[in-house]
Amino acid sequence: MKKNMGSADRIIRLIIAAIIGTLFFTNVISGIWGIVLVVLAIVFALTSFISFCPLYAPFGLRTCPVEKDK
């Protein structure tokens, strides 16, 4: 897998995941919507750590800088 996420994209996803996690564990969001958002937060965190978003690949999107050949 080639990286397709830049650092800004990764940081934003981690912040969103942290906010969702905090809201869930403080019982601000709960029920089925809480579970759905926690799963989304886990996906955001995992994709941030591996710097690859599977949804970007089919569309050819990249938020990371293009590597120059030497």
C-alpha atoms as a PDB file:
ATOM      1  CA  MET A   1       0.000   0.000   0.000  1.00  0.00           C
ATOM      2  CA  LYS A   2       1.303   3.378  -0.966  1.00  0.00           C
ATOM      3  CA  LYS A   3       0.657   6.249   1.372  1.00  0.00           C
ATOM      4  CA  ASN A   4      -2.167   8.477   0.206  1.00  0.00           C
ATOM      5  CA  MET A   5      -2.769  10.619   3.300  1.00  0.00           C
ATOM      6  CA  GLY A   6      -0.854  13.742   4.206  1.00  0.00           C
ATOM      7  CA  SER A   7      -0.013  14.840   7.723  1.00  0.00           C
ATOM      8  CA  ALA A   8      -2.819  17.413   7.926  1.00  0.00           C
ATOM      9  CA  ASP A   9      -5.383  14.778   6.933  1.00  0.00           C
ATOM     10  CA  ARG A  10      -3.990  12.349   9.508  1.00  0.00           C
ATOM     11  CA  ILE A  11      -4.048  14.945  12.309  1.00  0.00           C
ATOM     12  CA  ILE A  12      -7.628  15.984  11.516  1.00  0.00           C
ATOM     13  CA  ARG A  13      -8.783  12.354  11.560  1.00  0.00           C
ATOM     14  CA  LEU A  14      -7.064  11.714  14.907  1.00  0.00           C
ATOM     15  CA  ILE A  15      -8.660  14.822  16.428  1.00  0.00           C
ATOM     16  CA  ILE A  16     -12.114  13.758  15.207  1.00  0.00           C
ATOM     17  CA  ALA A  17     -11.556  10.238  16.573  1.00  0.00           C
ATOM     18  CA  ALA A  18     -10.500  11.640  19.955  1.00  0.00           C
ATOM     19  CA  ILE A  19     -13.543  13.913  20.123  1.00  0.00           C
ATOM     20  CA  ILE A  20     -15.921  11.059  19.264  1.00  0.00           C
ATOM     21  CA  GLY A  21     -14.246   8.796  21.827  1.00  0.00           C
ATOM     22  CA  THR A  22     -14.496  11.451  24.520  1.00  0.00           C
ATOM     23  CA  LEU A  23     -18.166  12.121  23.757  1.00  0.00           C
ATOM     24  CA  PHE A  24     -18.966   8.409  23.836  1.00  0.00           C
ATOM     25  CA  PHE A  25     -17.192   7.654  27.102  1.00  0.00           C
ATOM     26  CA  THR A  26     -18.747  10.676  28.823  1.00  0.00           C
ATOM     27  CA  ASN A  27     -22.197   9.455  27.685  1.00  0.00           C
ATOM     28  CA  VAL A  28     -22.924  12.551  25.611  1.00  0.00           C
ATOM     29  CA  ILE A  29     -23.601  10.255  22.650  1.00  0.00           C
ATOM     30  CA  SER A  30     -25.007   6.802  23.242  1.00  0.00           C
ATOM     31  CA  GLY A  31     -27.142   4.081  21.753  1.00  0.00           C
ATOM     32  CA  ILE A  32     -26.806   2.884  18.201  1.00  0.00           C
ATOM     33  CA  TRP A  33     -25.508   6.258  16.980  1.00  0.00           C
ATOM     34  CA  GLY A  34     -22.825   6.164  19.626  1.00  0.00           C
ATOM     35  CA  ILE A  35     -21.684   2.729  18.521  1.00  0.00           C
ATOM     36  CA  VAL A  36     -21.678   3.751  14.856  1.00  0.00           C
ATOM     37  CA  LEU A  37     -19.593   6.838  15.652  1.00  0.00           C
ATOM     38  CA  VAL A  38     -17.138   4.823  17.768  1.00  0.00           C
ATOM     39  CA  VAL A  39     -16.633   2.400  14.863  1.00  0.00           C
ATOM     40  CA  LEU A  40     -16.065   5.397  12.577  1.00  0.00           C
ATOM     41  CA  ALA A  41     -13.564   6.813  15.079  1.00  0.00           C
ATOM     42  CA  ILE A  42     -11.690   3.503  15.147  1.00  0.00           C
ATOM     43  CA  VAL A  43     -11.520   3.477  11.342  1.00  0.00           C
ATOM     44  CA  PHE A  44     -10.277   7.084  11.359  1.00  0.00           C
ATOM     45  CA  ALA A  45      -7.574   6.233  13.899  1.00  0.00           C
ATOM     46  CA  LEU A  46      -6.425   3.111  12.038  1.00  0.00           C
ATOM     47  CA  THR A  47      -6.236   4.862   8.676  1.00  0.00           C
ATOM     48  CA  SER A  48      -4.307   7.696  10.304  1.00  0.00           C
ATOM     49  CA  PHE A  49      -1.725   5.320  11.728  1.00  0.00           C
ATOM     50  CA  ILE A  50      -1.134   3.486   8.451  1.00  0.00           C
ATOM     51  CA  SER A  51      -1.392   6.663   6.288  1.00  0.00           C
ATOM     52  CA  PHE A  52      -3.672   4.902   3.821  1.00  0.00           C
ATOM     53  CA  CYS A  53      -7.365   5.494   3.182  1.00  0.00           C
ATOM     54  CA  PRO A  54      -9.022   2.747   1.122  1.00  0.00           C
ATOM     55  CA  LEU A  55     -11.737   5.156  -0.047  1.00  0.00           C
ATOM     56  CA  TYR A  56      -9.153   7.459  -1.626  1.00  0.00           C
ATOM     57  CA  ALA A  57      -7.650   4.691  -3.809  1.00  0.00           C
ATOM     58  CA  PRO A  58     -10.514   4.085  -6.287  1.00  0.00           C
ATOM     59  CA  PHE A  59     -10.836   7.810  -6.913  1.00  0.00           C
ATOM     60  CA  GLY A  60      -7.098   8.429  -7.220  1.00  0.00           C
ATOM     61  CA  LEU A  61      -7.092  10.950  -4.366  1.00  0.00           C
ATOM     62  CA  ARG A  62      -3.913  11.761  -2.467  1.00  0.00           C
ATOM     63  CA  THR A  63      -3.438  14.322   0.271  1.00  0.00           C
ATOM     64  CA  CYS A  64       0.252  13.624   0.703  1.00  0.00           C
ATOM     65  CA  PRO A  65       2.966  15.349  -1.299  1.00  0.00           C
ATOM     66  CA  VAL A  66       4.074  13.588  -4.466  1.00  0.00           C
ATOM     67  CA  GLU A  67       7.462  11.898  -4.139  1.00  0.00           C
ATOM     68  CA  LYS A  68       9.965  13.074  -6.752  1.00  0.00           C
ATOM     69  CA  ASP A  69      12.058  10.555  -8.624  1.00  0.00           C
ATOM     70  CA  LYS A  70      15.822  11.009  -8.399  1.00  0.00           C
END
